[in-house]
C-alpha atoms as a PDB file:
ATOM      1  CA  UNK A   1    -149.054 -87.047  61.225  1.00  0.00           C
ATOM      2  CA  UNK A   2    -152.057 -84.434  62.954  1.00  0.00           C
ATOM      3  CA  UNK A   3    -151.617 -87.166  66.309  1.00  0.00           C
ATOM      4  CA  UNK A   4    -148.109 -85.895  66.662  1.00  0.00           C
ATOM      5  CA  UNK A   5    -148.272 -82.302  66.816  1.00  0.00           C
ATOM      6  CA  UNK A   6    -148.484 -81.108  70.528  1.00  0.00           C
ATOM      7  CA  UNK A   7    -149.337 -77.389  71.245  1.00  0.00           C
ATOM      8  CA  UNK A   8    -146.461 -75.433  73.229  1.00  0.00           C
ATOM      9  CA  UNK A   9    -146.505 -72.759  75.512  1.00  0.00           C
ATOM     10  CA  UNK A  10    -146.661 -70.142  72.973  1.00  0.00           C
ATOM     11  CA  UNK A  11    -149.812 -70.113  71.261  1.00  0.00           C
ATOM     12  CA  UNK A  12    -148.776 -69.536  67.829  1.00  0.00           C
ATOM     13  CA  UNK A  13    -146.319 -72.642  68.066  1.00  0.00           C
ATOM     14  CA  UNK A  14    -146.571 -76.098  67.544  1.00  0.00           C
ATOM     15  CA  UNK A  15    -143.931 -78.992  67.497  1.00  0.00           C
ATOM     16  CA  UNK A  16    -143.735 -82.456  66.730  1.00  0.00           C
ATOM     17  CA  UNK A  17    -140.766 -83.592  69.152  1.00  0.00           C
ATOM     18  CA  UNK A  18    -138.110 -86.128  68.234  1.00  0.00           C
ATOM     19  CA  UNK A  19    -137.944 -89.248  70.216  1.00  0.00           C
ATOM     20  CA  UNK A  20    -135.205 -91.813  70.912  1.00  0.00           C
ATOM     21  CA  UNK A  21    -136.762 -93.557  67.916  1.00  0.00           C
ATOM     22  CA  UNK A  22    -134.876 -91.439  65.721  1.00  0.00           C
ATOM     23  CA  UNK A  23    -131.575 -92.643  66.437  1.00  0.00           C
ATOM     24  CA  UNK A  24    -132.193 -95.756  64.822  1.00  0.00           C
ATOM     25  CA  UNK A  25    -133.277 -93.425  61.425  1.00  0.00           C
ATOM     26  CA  UNK A  26    -130.192 -93.663  59.724  1.00  0.00           C
ATOM     27  CA  UNK A  27    -129.098 -97.292  59.335  1.00  0.00           C
ATOM     28  CA  UNK A  28    -132.827 -98.127  58.726  1.00  0.00           C
ATOM     29  CA  UNK A  29    -133.065 -95.748  55.779  1.00  0.00           C
ATOM     30  CA  UNK A  30    -129.423 -96.921  54.388  1.00  0.00           C
ATOM     31  CA  UNK A  31    -130.993-100.386  54.390  1.00  0.00           C
ATOM     32  CA  UNK A  32    -134.328 -99.409  52.838  1.00  0.00           C
ATOM     33  CA  UNK A  33    -135.332 -99.165  49.106  1.00  0.00           C
ATOM     34  CA  UNK A  34    -132.238 -97.047  47.310  1.00  0.00           C
ATOM     35  CA  UNK A  35    -134.880 -95.276  44.882  1.00  0.00           C
ATOM     36  CA  UNK A  36    -137.138 -93.921  47.764  1.00  0.00           C
ATOM     37  CA  UNK A  37    -134.923 -93.331  50.789  1.00  0.00           C
ATOM     38  CA  UNK A  38    -134.853 -89.678  49.626  1.00  0.00           C
ATOM     39  CA  UNK A  39    -138.610 -89.394  50.065  1.00  0.00           C
ATOM     40  CA  UNK A  40    -139.579 -90.897  53.345  1.00  0.00           C
ATOM     41  CA  UNK A  41    -140.062 -87.401  55.190  1.00  0.00           C
ATOM     42  CA  UNK A  42    -141.922 -85.877  51.929  1.00  0.00           C
ATOM     43  CA  UNK A  43    -144.327 -88.998  51.878  1.00  0.00           C
ATOM     44  CA  UNK A  44    -145.156 -89.092  55.523  1.00  0.00           C
ATOM     45  CA  UNK A  45    -145.813 -85.261  55.742  1.00  0.00           C
ATOM     46  CA  UNK A  46    -149.399 -85.104  54.009  1.00  0.00           C
ATOM     47  CA  UNK A  47    -150.352 -81.585  52.782  1.00  0.00           C
ATOM     48  CA  UNK A  48    -153.705 -81.554  54.365  1.00  0.00           C
ATOM     49  CA  UNK A  49    -151.904 -81.868  58.053  1.00  0.00           C
ATOM     50  CA  UNK A  50    -149.773 -79.240  57.513  1.00  0.00           C
ATOM     51  CA  UNK A  51    -152.221 -77.039  55.620  1.00  0.00           C
ATOM     52  CA  UNK A  52    -153.087 -74.745  59.097  1.00  0.00           C
ATOM     53  CA  UNK A  53    -149.360 -73.765  59.447  1.00  0.00           C
ATOM     54  CA  UNK A  54    -148.031 -70.983  57.996  1.00  0.00           C
ATOM     55  CA  UNK A  55    -144.498 -72.436  58.077  1.00  0.00           C
ATOM     56  CA  UNK A  56    -143.222 -75.723  58.840  1.00  0.00           C
ATOM     57  CA  UNK A  57    -139.505 -75.639  60.446  1.00  0.00           C
ATOM     58  CA  UNK A  58    -137.591 -78.988  60.057  1.00  0.00           C
ATOM     59  CA  UNK A  59    -134.736 -78.889  62.538  1.00  0.00           C
ATOM     60  CA  UNK A  60    -131.688 -81.223  61.125  1.00  0.00           C
ATOM     61  CA  UNK A  61    -128.681 -82.207  62.817  1.00  0.00           C
ATOM     62  CA  UNK A  62    -125.695 -80.624  61.306  1.00  0.00           C
ATOM     63  CA  UNK A  63    -124.698 -83.342  59.157  1.00  0.00           C
ATOM     64  CA  UNK A  64    -125.552 -84.472  55.656  1.00  0.00           C
ATOM     65  CA  UNK A  65    -126.978 -87.897  56.470  1.00  0.00           C
ATOM     66  CA  UNK A  66    -130.414 -89.100  55.578  1.00  0.00           C
ATOM     67  CA  UNK A  67    -132.524 -86.614  58.163  1.00  0.00           C
ATOM     68  CA  UNK A  68    -130.655 -83.936  56.299  1.00  0.00           C
ATOM     69  CA  UNK A  69    -131.210 -85.169  52.541  1.00  0.00           C
ATOM     70  CA  UNK A  70    -135.000 -86.145  53.770  1.00  0.00           C
ATOM     71  CA  UNK A  71    -135.625 -82.684  54.886  1.00  0.00           C
ATOM     72  CA  UNK A  72    -133.990 -80.847  51.751  1.00  0.00           C
ATOM     73  CA  UNK A  73    -136.537 -82.891  49.386  1.00  0.00           C
ATOM     74  CA  UNK A  74    -139.271 -82.372  51.849  1.00  0.00           C
ATOM     75  CA  UNK A  75    -138.723 -78.334  51.775  1.00  0.00           C
ATOM     76  CA  UNK A  76    -139.469 -75.260  49.870  1.00  0.00           C
ATOM     77  CA  UNK A  77    -136.613 -73.727  51.462  1.00  0.00           C
ATOM     78  CA  UNK A  78    -133.759 -73.745  53.814  1.00  0.00           C
ATOM     79  CA  UNK A  79    -132.607 -71.595  56.694  1.00  0.00           C
ATOM     80  CA  UNK A  80    -128.645 -72.316  57.331  1.00  0.00           C
ATOM     81  CA  UNK A  81    -127.499 -71.735  60.415  1.00  0.00           C
ATOM     82  CA  UNK A  82    -123.857 -71.014  60.542  1.00  0.00           C
ATOM     83  CA  UNK A  83    -121.673 -70.809  63.204  1.00  0.00           C
ATOM     84  CA  UNK A  84    -119.343 -67.709  63.351  1.00  0.00           C
ATOM     85  CA  UNK A  85    -116.358 -70.311  63.440  1.00  0.00           C
ATOM     86  CA  UNK A  86    -113.679 -71.492  60.709  1.00  0.00           C
ATOM     87  CA  UNK A  87    -114.827 -75.063  59.828  1.00  0.00           C
ATOM     88  CA  UNK A  88    -118.524 -73.833  59.586  1.00  0.00           C
ATOM     89  CA  UNK A  89    -117.765 -71.943  56.386  1.00  0.00           C
ATOM     90  CA  UNK A  90    -116.520 -75.663  54.974  1.00  0.00           C
ATOM     91  CA  UNK A  91    -119.787 -77.136  56.379  1.00  0.00           C
ATOM     92  CA  UNK A  92    -121.515 -74.444  54.656  1.00  0.00           C
ATOM     93  CA  UNK A  93    -119.839 -75.221  51.147  1.00  0.00           C
ATOM     94  CA  UNK A  94    -120.628 -79.316  51.391  1.00  0.00           C
ATOM     95  CA  UNK A  95    -124.295 -77.837  52.041  1.00  0.00           C
ATOM     96  CA  UNK A  96    -124.293 -75.850  49.123  1.00  0.00           C
ATOM     97  CA  UNK A  97    -122.837 -78.628  46.933  1.00  0.00           C
ATOM     98  CA  UNK A  98    -125.824 -81.279  48.619  1.00  0.00           C
ATOM     99  CA  UNK A  99    -128.442 -78.543  47.807  1.00  0.00           C
ATOM    100  CA  UNK A 100    -127.255 -78.318  44.295  1.00  0.00           C
ATOM    101  CA  UNK A 101    -127.525 -82.049  43.850  1.00  0.00           C
ATOM    102  CA  UNK A 102    -130.867 -82.395  45.408  1.00  0.00           C
ATOM    103  CA  UNK A 103    -132.145 -79.418  43.003  1.00  0.00           C
ATOM    104  CA  UNK A 104    -130.940 -81.664  40.066  1.00  0.00           C
ATOM    105  CA  UNK A 105    -132.568 -84.915  41.158  1.00  0.00           C
ATOM    106  CA  UNK A 106    -135.622 -84.458  43.495  1.00  0.00           C
ATOM    107  CA  UNK A 107    -136.354 -80.611  44.114  1.00  0.00           C
ATOM    108  CA  UNK A 108    -135.921 -78.578  41.619  1.00  0.00           C
ATOM    109  CA  UNK A 109    -137.661 -75.825  43.708  1.00  0.00           C
ATOM    110  CA  UNK A 110    -135.193 -75.741  46.842  1.00  0.00           C
ATOM    111  CA  UNK A 111    -134.537 -72.077  47.523  1.00  0.00           C
ATOM    112  CA  UNK A 112    -132.474 -70.506  50.292  1.00  0.00           C
ATOM    113  CA  UNK A 113    -134.217 -68.668  52.690  1.00  0.00           C
ATOM    114  CA  UNK A 114    -131.268 -67.161  54.566  1.00  0.00           C
ATOM    115  CA  UNK A 115    -128.031 -67.591  55.864  1.00  0.00           C
ATOM    116  CA  UNK A 116    -128.075 -67.227  59.571  1.00  0.00           C
ATOM    117  CA  UNK A 117    -124.929 -66.605  61.457  1.00  0.00           C
ATOM    118  CA  UNK A 118    -124.840 -68.007  65.122  1.00  0.00           C
ATOM    119  CA  UNK A 119    -122.522 -67.898  68.010  1.00  0.00           C
ATOM    120  CA  UNK A 120    -121.587 -64.541  67.012  1.00  0.00           C
ATOM    121  CA  UNK A 121    -118.917 -62.952  69.561  1.00  0.00           C
ATOM    122  CA  UNK A 122    -118.003 -59.449  68.905  1.00  0.00           C
ATOM    123  CA  UNK A 123    -114.823 -59.662  71.016  1.00  0.00           C
ATOM    124  CA  UNK A 124    -113.417 -62.038  68.879  1.00  0.00           C
ATOM    125  CA  UNK A 125    -111.580 -61.549  65.402  1.00  0.00           C
ATOM    126  CA  UNK A 126    -112.715 -64.886  63.899  1.00  0.00           C
ATOM    127  CA  UNK A 127    -116.608 -63.858  64.365  1.00  0.00           C
ATOM    128  CA  UNK A 128    -116.248 -60.857  62.470  1.00  0.00           C
ATOM    129  CA  UNK A 129    -113.973 -62.246  60.093  1.00  0.00           C
ATOM    130  CA  UNK A 130    -116.882 -65.142  59.018  1.00  0.00           C
ATOM    131  CA  UNK A 131    -119.295 -63.203  59.207  1.00  0.00           C
ATOM    132  CA  UNK A 132    -117.594 -61.041  56.268  1.00  0.00           C
ATOM    133  CA  UNK A 133    -116.719 -63.798  54.292  1.00  0.00           C
ATOM    134  CA  UNK A 134    -120.388 -65.010  54.779  1.00  0.00           C
ATOM    135  CA  UNK A 135    -121.769 -61.477  53.647  1.00  0.00           C
ATOM    136  CA  UNK A 136    -118.864 -61.458  50.620  1.00  0.00           C
ATOM    137  CA  UNK A 137    -120.150 -64.905  49.094  1.00  0.00           C
ATOM    138  CA  UNK A 138    -123.626 -64.566  49.937  1.00  0.00           C
ATOM    139  CA  UNK A 139    -124.604 -60.923  49.591  1.00  0.00           C
ATOM    140  CA  UNK A 140    -128.427 -61.579  49.325  1.00  0.00           C
ATOM    141  CA  UNK A 141    -128.849 -64.223  51.331  1.00  0.00           C
ATOM    142  CA  UNK A 142    -127.294 -63.595  54.954  1.00  0.00           C
ATOM    143  CA  UNK A 143    -130.169 -62.627  57.435  1.00  0.00           C
ATOM    144  CA  UNK A 144    -129.334 -59.061  59.231  1.00  0.00           C
ATOM    145  CA  UNK A 145    -130.295 -60.771  62.470  1.00  0.00           C
ATOM    146  CA  UNK A 146    -127.489 -62.329  63.664  1.00  0.00           C
ATOM    147  CA  UNK A 147    -127.824 -64.966  67.034  1.00  0.00           C
ATOM    148  CA  UNK A 148    -124.905 -64.111  69.422  1.00  0.00           C
ATOM    149  CA  UNK A 149    -122.970 -66.521  71.766  1.00  0.00           C
ATOM    150  CA  UNK A 150    -125.305 -66.241  74.663  1.00  0.00           C
ATOM    151  CA  UNK A 151    -126.056 -67.732  78.443  1.00  0.00           C
ATOM    152  CA  UNK A 152    -129.645 -67.678  77.947  1.00  0.00           C
ATOM    153  CA  UNK A 153    -129.358 -69.668  74.799  1.00  0.00           C
ATOM    154  CA  UNK A 154    -127.478 -72.593  76.496  1.00  0.00           C
ATOM    155  CA  UNK A 155    -129.550 -72.432  79.531  1.00  0.00           C
ATOM    156  CA  UNK A 156    -132.988 -72.184  78.117  1.00  0.00           C
ATOM    157  CA  UNK A 157    -133.126 -75.919  76.834  1.00  0.00           C
ATOM    158  CA  UNK A 158    -131.707 -77.744  79.901  1.00  0.00           C
ATOM    159  CA  UNK A 159    -135.186 -75.959  81.384  1.00  0.00           C
ATOM    160  CA  UNK A 160    -137.474 -76.868  78.837  1.00  0.00           C
ATOM    161  CA  UNK A 161    -138.098 -73.885  77.684  1.00  0.00           C
ATOM    162  CA  UNK A 162    -137.399 -71.459  74.490  1.00  0.00           C
ATOM    163  CA  UNK A 163    -135.348 -68.540  75.159  1.00  0.00           C
ATOM    164  CA  UNK A 164    -138.160 -66.145  74.418  1.00  0.00           C
ATOM    165  CA  UNK A 165    -140.235 -67.814  77.623  1.00  0.00           C
ATOM    166  CA  UNK A 166    -137.172 -68.371  79.906  1.00  0.00           C
ATOM    167  CA  UNK A 167    -135.679 -64.877  79.498  1.00  0.00           C
ATOM    168  CA  UNK A 168    -137.231 -62.606  76.748  1.00  0.00           C
ATOM    169  CA  UNK A 169    -135.093 -59.784  77.431  1.00  0.00           C
ATOM    170  CA  UNK A 170    -131.839 -61.485  76.729  1.00  0.00           C
ATOM    171  CA  UNK A 171    -130.087 -60.706  73.844  1.00  0.00           C
ATOM    172  CA  UNK A 172    -130.302 -64.409  72.604  1.00  0.00           C
ATOM    173  CA  UNK A 173    -134.113 -64.435  72.657  1.00  0.00           C
ATOM    174  CA  UNK A 174    -134.046 -60.572  71.058  1.00  0.00           C
ATOM    175  CA  UNK A 175    -131.886 -61.830  68.462  1.00  0.00           C
ATOM    176  CA  UNK A 176    -134.425 -64.394  67.519  1.00  0.00           C
ATOM    177  CA  UNK A 177    -137.707 -62.399  67.739  1.00  0.00           C
ATOM    178  CA  UNK A 178    -135.525 -60.194  65.199  1.00  0.00           C
ATOM    179  CA  UNK A 179    -134.911 -63.314  62.839  1.00  0.00           C
ATOM    180  CA  UNK A 180    -138.648 -64.125  62.970  1.00  0.00           C
ATOM    181  CA  UNK A 181    -139.770 -60.390  62.220  1.00  0.00           C
ATOM    182  CA  UNK A 182    -137.271 -60.837  59.382  1.00  0.00           C
ATOM    183  CA  UNK A 183    -138.579 -63.935  58.064  1.00  0.00           C
ATOM    184  CA  UNK A 184    -142.198 -62.587  58.319  1.00  0.00           C
ATOM    185  CA  UNK A 185    -141.131 -59.152  56.548  1.00  0.00           C
ATOM    186  CA  UNK A 186    -139.618 -60.744  53.403  1.00  0.00           C
ATOM    187  CA  UNK A 187    -141.122 -64.662  53.794  1.00  0.00           C
END
């Protein structure tokens, strides 16, 4: 595992980049041993390789397939990004049910780190309505930091840079820095 960890332009951030090999992960796991397919990630993350890191983030696709299931089994807590759009609330409900099943079967300590409203557009009533619903149903879990819909957040990846290096003064980058401070303060 240590061989896969790469330094980034930020001295306090390392990454293990995904590769095209991950495209075959879901079908390969589905064909594997049903008793072990939920533990593949947990078993491949040796604690000694991770002990020098304060936080390890596992970025998952917005689906509830084997990649996400493996991440839930391997994690201590989950930061849940929720787009401020109608169907995202339905997806959040499904994720909560999946997390309950994971807690019952494989990881009883799995906690919610927080719910992060994303793609928020203050000019859009739907964004405000979704944010209100999140706060109503999850009053203790919604981060105060809100990630806005922002051009910089869309452009930065195409330049191979995180938003905080691409345009640190943008509202998007500032919002993510606010989130980092919030996690460090309460984490």
